[in-house]
Amino acid sequence: MKQAHSPVKNISIRLDKWLWAARFYKTRAIAKQMIDGGKVFYNGQRTKSGKTVSLGDKILLRQSYEEREVIVIALADRRRDAIFAQTLYQETPASITSREKNALARKQGVLLSPASDTKPDKKQRRQLRQFKERI
C-alpha cells in the first residue's frame, strides 16, 4: 500500500535541492550552477546553493528569456510530478504579467523581421560580407 506524499512543513531543505524538487531545473547540479552563476536570488540577494529554504521566502530565478519571482509555500526534498511541484511555490502577480509582456514582445519582434524566402545570391553575399567587414 502506497502512502500519499505531501509537502513537508518543518524540515530544512537546501536551496538547490528545493529548486530541483520544484522542477525549475532538471538536475541538482544544474541548479547549483545557476545559483553559483548568479541566476538565482534568495530574498533579493545572491546566495550559496547550501542555503536553507524557509516558508515565505522570495526566490528570483532567471531562465533563458524569463525571470520568475516565486514565494515558497511548501518544502519538499523529493522530486515528483509537475502537479506536485506547482504546490511548492506561488508565482507573484507582477512576475506573471512581466513574463507575459516579455513573451508578447518577443513574438512581435519575430513577426516584424521575418526571414527571407530565398538565399542571397553571389552578389548579395559579397555585399553582406563587405558590410560586415566595414563595421
Protein backbone atom coordinates (compact mmCIF):
# COMPACT_ATOMS: atom_id res chain seq x y z
CA MET A 1 0.00 0.00 0.00
CA LYS A 2 1.49 3.32 -1.09
CA GLN A 3 1.43 6.31 1.18
CA ALA A 4 0.38 9.64 -0.25
CA HIS A 5 3.27 12.10 -0.18
CA SER A 6 2.53 15.66 0.77
CA PRO A 7 4.80 18.68 1.04
CA VAL A 8 6.84 18.61 4.21
CA LYS A 9 6.26 21.54 6.59
CA ASN A 10 9.09 21.56 9.14
CA ILE A 11 12.34 20.22 7.70
CA SER A 12 15.39 22.06 6.43
CA ILE A 13 16.00 21.87 2.68
CA ARG A 14 18.96 23.16 0.69
CA LEU A 15 18.12 25.75 -1.97
CA ASP A 16 19.50 23.67 -4.86
CA LYS A 17 17.51 20.63 -3.71
CA TRP A 18 14.30 22.66 -3.40
CA LEU A 19 14.74 24.17 -6.89
CA TRP A 20 15.27 20.65 -8.25
CA ALA A 21 12.20 19.29 -6.39
CA ALA A 22 10.10 22.23 -7.62
CA ARG A 23 11.16 21.33 -11.18
CA PHE A 24 12.82 24.61 -12.08
CA TYR A 25 15.96 22.71 -13.08
CA LYS A 26 16.38 19.18 -14.40
CA THR A 27 19.24 18.18 -12.10
CA ARG A 28 20.64 19.38 -8.79
CA ALA A 29 23.98 20.00 -10.49
CA ILE A 30 22.35 22.44 -12.92
CA ALA A 31 20.53 24.12 -10.02
CA LYS A 32 23.86 24.52 -8.21
CA GLN A 33 25.48 26.00 -11.33
CA MET A 34 22.66 28.52 -11.73
CA ILE A 35 22.89 29.57 -8.08
CA ASP A 36 26.67 29.90 -8.22
CA GLY A 37 26.42 31.75 -11.54
CA GLY A 38 24.17 34.45 -10.08
CA LYS A 39 20.96 33.42 -11.85
CA VAL A 40 19.10 32.79 -8.57
CA PHE A 41 18.47 35.42 -5.88
CA TYR A 42 17.20 34.44 -2.43
CA ASN A 43 15.30 37.25 -0.66
CA GLY A 44 16.87 39.77 -3.02
CA GLN A 45 20.48 38.66 -2.55
CA ARG A 46 22.91 36.28 -4.21
CA THR A 47 23.34 33.15 -2.18
CA LYS A 48 25.06 29.80 -1.99
CA SER A 49 23.49 26.51 -3.01
CA GLY A 50 23.55 25.20 0.57
CA LYS A 51 21.29 27.98 1.88
CA THR A 52 18.36 26.65 3.91
CA VAL A 53 14.98 27.46 2.38
CA SER A 54 12.18 28.66 4.66
CA LEU A 55 8.47 29.12 4.11
CA GLY A 56 7.53 32.56 2.80
CA ASP A 57 10.90 33.32 1.24
CA LYS A 58 11.11 35.04 -2.17
CA ILE A 59 13.24 33.47 -4.87
CA LEU A 60 14.05 35.25 -8.14
CA LEU A 61 15.02 32.90 -10.99
CA ARG A 62 16.37 33.74 -14.41
CA GLN A 63 15.80 31.07 -17.05
CA SER A 64 16.72 31.95 -20.65
CA TYR A 65 14.42 34.88 -21.53
CA GLU A 66 12.22 34.55 -18.47
CA GLU A 67 12.57 35.94 -14.98
CA ARG A 68 10.31 34.49 -12.30
CA GLU A 69 9.71 35.64 -8.77
CA VAL A 70 8.21 32.91 -6.60
CA ILE A 71 7.27 32.62 -2.95
CA VAL A 72 8.00 29.36 -1.16
CA ILE A 73 4.77 27.94 0.28
CA ALA A 74 5.88 24.35 0.96
CA LEU A 75 9.09 22.35 1.28
CA ALA A 76 9.95 19.05 -0.36
CA ASP A 77 13.12 17.01 -0.59
CA ARG A 78 11.96 14.62 -3.31
CA ARG A 79 11.23 15.31 -6.95
CA ARG A 80 7.80 14.21 -8.06
CA ASP A 81 5.35 15.08 -10.84
CA ALA A 82 4.75 18.61 -12.11
CA ILE A 83 1.37 18.96 -10.37
CA PHE A 84 3.03 18.29 -7.01
CA ALA A 85 5.89 20.67 -7.86
CA GLN A 86 3.45 23.51 -8.51
CA THR A 87 2.13 23.19 -4.95
CA LEU A 88 5.57 24.10 -3.56
CA TYR A 89 5.55 27.73 -4.74
CA GLN A 90 3.35 30.59 -5.81
CA GLU A 91 4.45 33.00 -8.52
CA THR A 92 3.87 36.68 -7.80
CA PRO A 93 1.33 38.53 -9.98
CA ALA A 94 3.97 41.09 -11.04
CA SER A 95 6.18 38.25 -12.26
CA ILE A 96 3.36 36.70 -14.28
CA THR A 97 2.47 39.98 -16.01
CA SER A 98 6.09 40.81 -16.83
CA ARG A 99 6.68 37.32 -18.28
CA GLU A 100 3.55 37.62 -20.45
CA LYS A 101 4.59 41.11 -21.60
CA ASN A 102 8.10 39.90 -22.50
CA ALA A 103 6.73 36.88 -24.36
CA LEU A 104 4.44 39.12 -26.41
CA ALA A 105 7.33 41.47 -27.21
CA ARG A 106 9.48 38.54 -28.37
CA LYS A 107 6.67 37.25 -30.60
CA GLN A 108 6.10 40.67 -32.13
CA GLY A 109 9.82 41.13 -32.72
CA VAL A 110 9.93 37.91 -34.71
CA LEU A 111 6.91 38.92 -36.74
CA LEU A 112 8.33 42.37 -37.55
CA SER A 113 11.58 40.98 -39.00
CA PRO A 114 10.67 37.85 -40.94
CA ALA A 115 13.32 35.69 -42.55
CA SER A 116 13.93 35.94 -46.26
CA ASP A 117 12.17 33.44 -48.54
CA THR A 118 15.28 32.85 -50.65
CA LYS A 119 19.00 32.59 -50.06
CA PRO A 120 21.12 35.59 -51.06
CA ASP A 121 22.78 35.22 -54.43
CA LYS A 122 26.51 35.68 -55.02
CA LYS A 123 26.33 39.45 -55.39
CA GLN A 124 24.21 39.87 -52.25
CA ARG A 125 26.58 37.62 -50.26
CA ARG A 126 29.52 39.77 -51.39
CA GLN A 127 27.68 42.93 -50.33
CA LEU A 128 26.83 41.41 -46.93
CA ARG A 129 30.45 40.38 -46.40
CA GLN A 130 31.67 43.88 -47.28
CA PHE A 131 29.12 45.46 -44.95
CA LYS A 132 30.10 43.22 -42.04
CA GLU A 133 33.83 43.77 -42.54
CA ARG A 134 33.37 47.52 -42.69
CA ILE A 135 31.99 47.67 -39.16
